[in-house]
Amino acid sequence: MPDKESLLVYLAGHIHGDWRERVRKMAEERGLPVRFRGPREDHARSDNVGFDVLGLTAGDVGEKLAKLVRDDLGGRANNLRTRLWIGKCVLVLAFFDGEQTSLRQWNTAADIGVARALGKPVLVVRTPNLVHSLKELTPRADFVVDSLEQAVDALAYVFEN
């Protein structure tokens, strides 16, 4: 791999907090030729994209079905986006945040499945309090680390001569 070839890394994980920005900043500070993509981080846009694209309102489908239809359409649009970007990336960095205990982070696990199906390498970051709960998932990764800092160290290693 050429020294200055830019790698596209997909940042899989919850869309709450600033963890993606921290990864971007650490990579930039180290001068790593890495570009990042990930899921839509605007939660409202992510939830409503299906309705928005099709020009629907809750009134069009009835109030009781609106949530189900909105979630289904939003999920389909987000899955399309995710598959396309994971297909273009060279690595999926999947973050399981043990500090966000209210989040189930199923999307992150699903993204690992997409990556594996497409033959993409996976770097899992899971905080130490999640070792046991992710014991069936982490063997599907190429490398597993405990922190975002370690993940950036692993990325930096890729560019060492």
C-alpha atoms as a PDB file:
ATOM      1  CA  MET A   1       0.000   0.000   0.000  1.00  0.00           C
ATOM      2  CA  PRO A   2       1.462   3.384  -0.953  1.00  0.00           C
ATOM      3  CA  ASP A   3       2.486   5.490   2.050  1.00  0.00           C
ATOM      4  CA  LYS A   4       0.174   8.404   1.300  1.00  0.00           C
ATOM      5  CA  GLU A   5      -2.805   6.517  -0.114  1.00  0.00           C
ATOM      6  CA  SER A   6      -5.915   7.742   1.641  1.00  0.00           C
ATOM      7  CA  LEU A   7      -7.976   5.003   3.247  1.00  0.00           C
ATOM      8  CA  LEU A   8     -11.738   5.242   3.661  1.00  0.00           C
ATOM      9  CA  VAL A   9     -12.810   3.990   7.095  1.00  0.00           C
ATOM     10  CA  TYR A  10     -16.461   3.483   8.030  1.00  0.00           C
ATOM     11  CA  LEU A  11     -17.186   4.466  11.647  1.00  0.00           C
ATOM     12  CA  ALA A  12     -19.908   2.104  12.843  1.00  0.00           C
ATOM     13  CA  GLY A  13     -21.477   2.807  16.209  1.00  0.00           C
ATOM     14  CA  HIS A  14     -24.086   4.843  18.015  1.00  0.00           C
ATOM     15  CA  ILE A  15     -24.784   8.372  16.812  1.00  0.00           C
ATOM     16  CA  HIS A  16     -24.782   9.987  20.227  1.00  0.00           C
ATOM     17  CA  GLY A  17     -21.883  11.939  21.669  1.00  0.00           C
ATOM     18  CA  ASP A  18     -18.669  13.078  20.021  1.00  0.00           C
ATOM     19  CA  TRP A  19     -16.716   9.855  19.661  1.00  0.00           C
ATOM     20  CA  ARG A  20     -16.468  10.126  15.852  1.00  0.00           C
ATOM     21  CA  GLU A  21     -15.097  13.652  16.101  1.00  0.00           C
ATOM     22  CA  ARG A  22     -12.510  12.439  18.624  1.00  0.00           C
ATOM     23  CA  VAL A  23     -11.362   9.701  16.227  1.00  0.00           C
ATOM     24  CA  ARG A  24     -11.165  12.179  13.335  1.00  0.00           C
ATOM     25  CA  LYS A  25      -9.130  14.591  15.458  1.00  0.00           C
ATOM     26  CA  MET A  26      -6.699  11.923  16.703  1.00  0.00           C
ATOM     27  CA  ALA A  27      -6.120  10.685  13.139  1.00  0.00           C
ATOM     28  CA  GLU A  28      -5.576  14.232  11.894  1.00  0.00           C
ATOM     29  CA  GLU A  29      -3.139  15.030  14.730  1.00  0.00           C
ATOM     30  CA  ARG A  30      -1.096  11.986  13.729  1.00  0.00           C
ATOM     31  CA  GLY A  31      -1.158  12.952  10.074  1.00  0.00           C
ATOM     32  CA  LEU A  32      -2.876   9.747   8.998  1.00  0.00           C
ATOM     33  CA  PRO A  33      -4.148   9.774   5.420  1.00  0.00           C
ATOM     34  CA  VAL A  34      -7.569   8.510   6.432  1.00  0.00           C
ATOM     35  CA  ARG A  35     -11.047   9.669   5.436  1.00  0.00           C
ATOM     36  CA  PHE A  36     -14.097   8.691   7.449  1.00  0.00           C
ATOM     37  CA  ARG A  37     -17.746   7.975   6.680  1.00  0.00           C
ATOM     38  CA  GLY A  38     -20.493   6.612   8.849  1.00  0.00           C
ATOM     39  CA  PRO A  39     -24.196   6.570   9.478  1.00  0.00           C
ATOM     40  CA  ARG A  40     -26.294   9.711   9.334  1.00  0.00           C
ATOM     41  CA  GLU A  41     -25.595  11.435  12.647  1.00  0.00           C
ATOM     42  CA  ASP A  42     -28.677  13.692  12.542  1.00  0.00           C
ATOM     43  CA  HIS A  43     -31.129  11.408  14.369  1.00  0.00           C
ATOM     44  CA  ALA A  44     -34.294  13.193  13.194  1.00  0.00           C
ATOM     45  CA  ARG A  45     -33.132  13.126   9.558  1.00  0.00           C
ATOM     46  CA  SER A  46     -32.209   9.454   9.900  1.00  0.00           C
ATOM     47  CA  ASP A  47     -35.650   8.576  11.300  1.00  0.00           C
ATOM     48  CA  ASN A  48     -37.620  10.649   8.789  1.00  0.00           C
ATOM     49  CA  VAL A  49     -35.658  10.077   5.569  1.00  0.00           C
ATOM     50  CA  GLY A  50     -38.091   7.498   4.173  1.00  0.00           C
ATOM     51  CA  PHE A  51     -41.096   9.785   4.655  1.00  0.00           C
ATOM     52  CA  ASP A  52     -39.119  12.731   3.304  1.00  0.00           C
ATOM     53  CA  VAL A  53     -37.971  10.919   0.156  1.00  0.00           C
ATOM     54  CA  LEU A  54     -41.457   9.591  -0.599  1.00  0.00           C
ATOM     55  CA  GLY A  55     -43.206  12.832   0.373  1.00  0.00           C
ATOM     56  CA  LEU A  56     -45.327  11.150   3.047  1.00  0.00           C
ATOM     57  CA  THR A  57     -46.815  12.474   6.264  1.00  0.00           C
ATOM     58  CA  ALA A  58     -48.302  10.629   9.224  1.00  0.00           C
ATOM     59  CA  GLY A  59     -51.732  11.629   7.896  1.00  0.00           C
ATOM     60  CA  ASP A  60     -51.059   9.744   4.646  1.00  0.00           C
ATOM     61  CA  VAL A  61     -50.715   6.400   6.410  1.00  0.00           C
ATOM     62  CA  GLY A  62     -52.790   6.986   9.533  1.00  0.00           C
ATOM     63  CA  GLU A  63     -51.483   7.956  12.933  1.00  0.00           C
ATOM     64  CA  LYS A  64     -51.341   4.392  14.315  1.00  0.00           C
ATOM     65  CA  LEU A  65     -49.259   3.067  11.444  1.00  0.00           C
ATOM     66  CA  ALA A  66     -47.116   6.163  11.048  1.00  0.00           C
ATOM     67  CA  LYS A  67     -44.426   5.098  13.518  1.00  0.00           C
ATOM     68  CA  LEU A  68     -44.130   1.610  12.033  1.00  0.00           C
ATOM     69  CA  VAL A  69     -44.017   2.901   8.471  1.00  0.00           C
ATOM     70  CA  ARG A  70     -41.603   5.714   9.358  1.00  0.00           C
ATOM     71  CA  ASP A  71     -39.239   3.280  11.111  1.00  0.00           C
ATOM     72  CA  ASP A  72     -39.442   0.764   8.259  1.00  0.00           C
ATOM     73  CA  LEU A  73     -38.804   3.343   5.536  1.00  0.00           C
ATOM     74  CA  GLY A  74     -36.088   5.100   7.548  1.00  0.00           C
ATOM     75  CA  GLY A  75     -34.400   1.785   8.245  1.00  0.00           C
ATOM     76  CA  ARG A  76     -34.450   0.828   4.582  1.00  0.00           C
ATOM     77  CA  ALA A  77     -32.960   4.158   3.490  1.00  0.00           C
ATOM     78  CA  ASN A  78     -30.313   3.959   6.215  1.00  0.00           C
ATOM     79  CA  ASN A  79     -29.475   0.356   5.291  1.00  0.00           C
ATOM     80  CA  LEU A  80     -28.974   1.443   1.675  1.00  0.00           C
ATOM     81  CA  ARG A  81     -26.620   4.215   2.794  1.00  0.00           C
ATOM     82  CA  THR A  82     -24.726   1.881   5.134  1.00  0.00           C
ATOM     83  CA  ARG A  83     -24.250  -0.884   2.557  1.00  0.00           C
ATOM     84  CA  LEU A  84     -23.001   1.582  -0.045  1.00  0.00           C
ATOM     85  CA  TRP A  85     -20.454   3.223   2.258  1.00  0.00           C
ATOM     86  CA  ILE A  86     -19.265  -0.028   3.806  1.00  0.00           C
ATOM     87  CA  GLY A  87     -18.898  -1.363   0.262  1.00  0.00           C
ATOM     88  CA  LYS A  88     -16.608   1.556  -0.617  1.00  0.00           C
ATOM     89  CA  CYS A  89     -14.546   1.525   2.581  1.00  0.00           C
ATOM     90  CA  VAL A  90     -11.414  -0.492   3.252  1.00  0.00           C
ATOM     91  CA  LEU A  91     -12.069  -0.947   6.979  1.00  0.00           C
ATOM     92  CA  VAL A  92     -14.973  -0.806   9.403  1.00  0.00           C
ATOM     93  CA  LEU A  93     -14.139   0.586  12.820  1.00  0.00           C
ATOM     94  CA  ALA A  94     -17.013  -0.594  15.042  1.00  0.00           C
ATOM     95  CA  PHE A  95     -17.366   1.156  18.405  1.00  0.00           C
ATOM     96  CA  PHE A  96     -19.268  -0.442  21.278  1.00  0.00           C
ATOM     97  CA  ASP A  97     -19.465   2.213  23.953  1.00  0.00           C
ATOM     98  CA  GLY A  98     -19.801   0.805  27.458  1.00  0.00           C
ATOM     99  CA  GLU A  99     -20.519   4.297  28.778  1.00  0.00           C
ATOM    100  CA  GLN A 100     -23.765   4.384  26.785  1.00  0.00           C
ATOM    101  CA  THR A 101     -25.503   1.635  28.738  1.00  0.00           C
ATOM    102  CA  SER A 102     -28.972   2.747  27.633  1.00  0.00           C
ATOM    103  CA  LEU A 103     -28.078   2.040  23.991  1.00  0.00           C
ATOM    104  CA  ARG A 104     -28.360  -1.504  22.701  1.00  0.00           C
ATOM    105  CA  GLN A 105     -26.047  -0.805  19.738  1.00  0.00           C
ATOM    106  CA  TRP A 106     -27.645  -3.429  17.488  1.00  0.00           C
ATOM    107  CA  ASN A 107     -26.843  -1.278  14.462  1.00  0.00           C
ATOM    108  CA  THR A 108     -23.145  -1.641  15.221  1.00  0.00           C
ATOM    109  CA  ALA A 109     -23.454  -5.432  15.285  1.00  0.00           C
ATOM    110  CA  ALA A 110     -25.459  -5.356  12.045  1.00  0.00           C
ATOM    111  CA  ASP A 111     -22.771  -3.196  10.423  1.00  0.00           C
ATOM    112  CA  ILE A 112     -20.168  -5.826  11.337  1.00  0.00           C
ATOM    113  CA  GLY A 113     -22.345  -8.432   9.595  1.00  0.00           C
ATOM    114  CA  VAL A 114     -22.537  -6.271   6.454  1.00  0.00           C
ATOM    115  CA  ALA A 115     -18.777  -5.727   6.536  1.00  0.00           C
ATOM    116  CA  ARG A 116     -18.069  -9.441   6.867  1.00  0.00           C
ATOM    117  CA  ALA A 117     -20.521 -10.301   4.089  1.00  0.00           C
ATOM    118  CA  LEU A 118     -18.702  -7.828   1.822  1.00  0.00           C
ATOM    119  CA  GLY A 119     -15.260  -9.137   2.830  1.00  0.00           C
ATOM    120  CA  LYS A 120     -14.224  -5.955   4.662  1.00  0.00           C
ATOM    121  CA  PRO A 121     -11.849  -6.066   7.636  1.00  0.00           C
ATOM    122  CA  VAL A 122     -13.300  -5.058  10.995  1.00  0.00           C
ATOM    123  CA  LEU A 123     -11.595  -3.310  13.907  1.00  0.00           C
ATOM    124  CA  VAL A 124     -13.766  -3.516  17.044  1.00  0.00           C
ATOM    125  CA  VAL A 125     -13.458  -1.079  19.904  1.00  0.00           C
ATOM    126  CA  ARG A 126     -15.229  -2.338  22.985  1.00  0.00           C
ATOM    127  CA  THR A 127     -14.745  -0.910  26.405  1.00  0.00           C
ATOM    128  CA  PRO A 128     -13.552  -3.407  29.024  1.00  0.00           C
ATOM    129  CA  ASN A 129     -16.975  -3.620  30.691  1.00  0.00           C
ATOM    130  CA  LEU A 130     -18.374  -5.124  27.463  1.00  0.00           C
ATOM    131  CA  VAL A 131     -15.888  -7.995  27.071  1.00  0.00           C
ATOM    132  CA  HIS A 132     -18.334 -10.628  28.324  1.00  0.00           C
ATOM    133  CA  SER A 133     -21.444  -9.314  26.551  1.00  0.00           C
ATOM    134  CA  LEU A 134     -19.632  -9.191  23.195  1.00  0.00           C
ATOM    135  CA  LYS A 135     -17.842 -12.526  23.504  1.00  0.00           C
ATOM    136  CA  GLU A 136     -19.647 -14.025  20.478  1.00  0.00           C
ATOM    137  CA  LEU A 137     -19.198 -10.898  18.357  1.00  0.00           C
ATOM    138  CA  THR A 138     -15.544  -9.990  18.882  1.00  0.00           C
ATOM    139  CA  PRO A 139     -14.210 -13.219  17.292  1.00  0.00           C
ATOM    140  CA  ARG A 140     -15.734 -11.922  14.043  1.00  0.00           C
ATOM    141  CA  ALA A 141     -13.358  -8.955  14.139  1.00  0.00           C
ATOM    142  CA  ASP A 142      -9.874  -8.850  12.681  1.00  0.00           C
ATOM    143  CA  PHE A 143      -8.600  -6.944  15.701  1.00  0.00           C
ATOM    144  CA  VAL A 144     -10.169  -5.873  19.006  1.00  0.00           C
ATOM    145  CA  VAL A 145      -9.058  -2.977  21.196  1.00  0.00           C
ATOM    146  CA  ASP A 146     -10.306  -1.355  24.404  1.00  0.00           C
ATOM    147  CA  SER A 147     -10.278   2.332  23.463  1.00  0.00           C
ATOM    148  CA  LEU A 148     -10.580   4.772  20.600  1.00  0.00           C
ATOM    149  CA  GLU A 149      -6.948   5.764  21.203  1.00  0.00           C
ATOM    150  CA  GLN A 150      -5.868   2.163  20.649  1.00  0.00           C
ATOM    151  CA  ALA A 151      -7.957   2.045  17.475  1.00  0.00           C
ATOM    152  CA  VAL A 152      -6.119   5.077  16.097  1.00  0.00           C
ATOM    153  CA  ASP A 153      -2.817   3.435  17.107  1.00  0.00           C
ATOM    154  CA  ALA A 154      -3.861   0.393  15.043  1.00  0.00           C
ATOM    155  CA  LEU A 155      -4.689   2.649  12.088  1.00  0.00           C
ATOM    156  CA  ALA A 156      -1.316   4.365  12.434  1.00  0.00           C
ATOM    157  CA  TYR A 157       0.411   0.969  12.364  1.00  0.00           C
ATOM    158  CA  VAL A 158      -1.044   0.321   8.899  1.00  0.00           C
ATOM    159  CA  PHE A 159       1.039   3.210   7.548  1.00  0.00           C
ATOM    160  CA  GLU A 160       4.332   2.282   9.192  1.00  0.00           C
ATOM    161  CA  ASN A 161       7.120   1.245   6.799  1.00  0.00           C
END
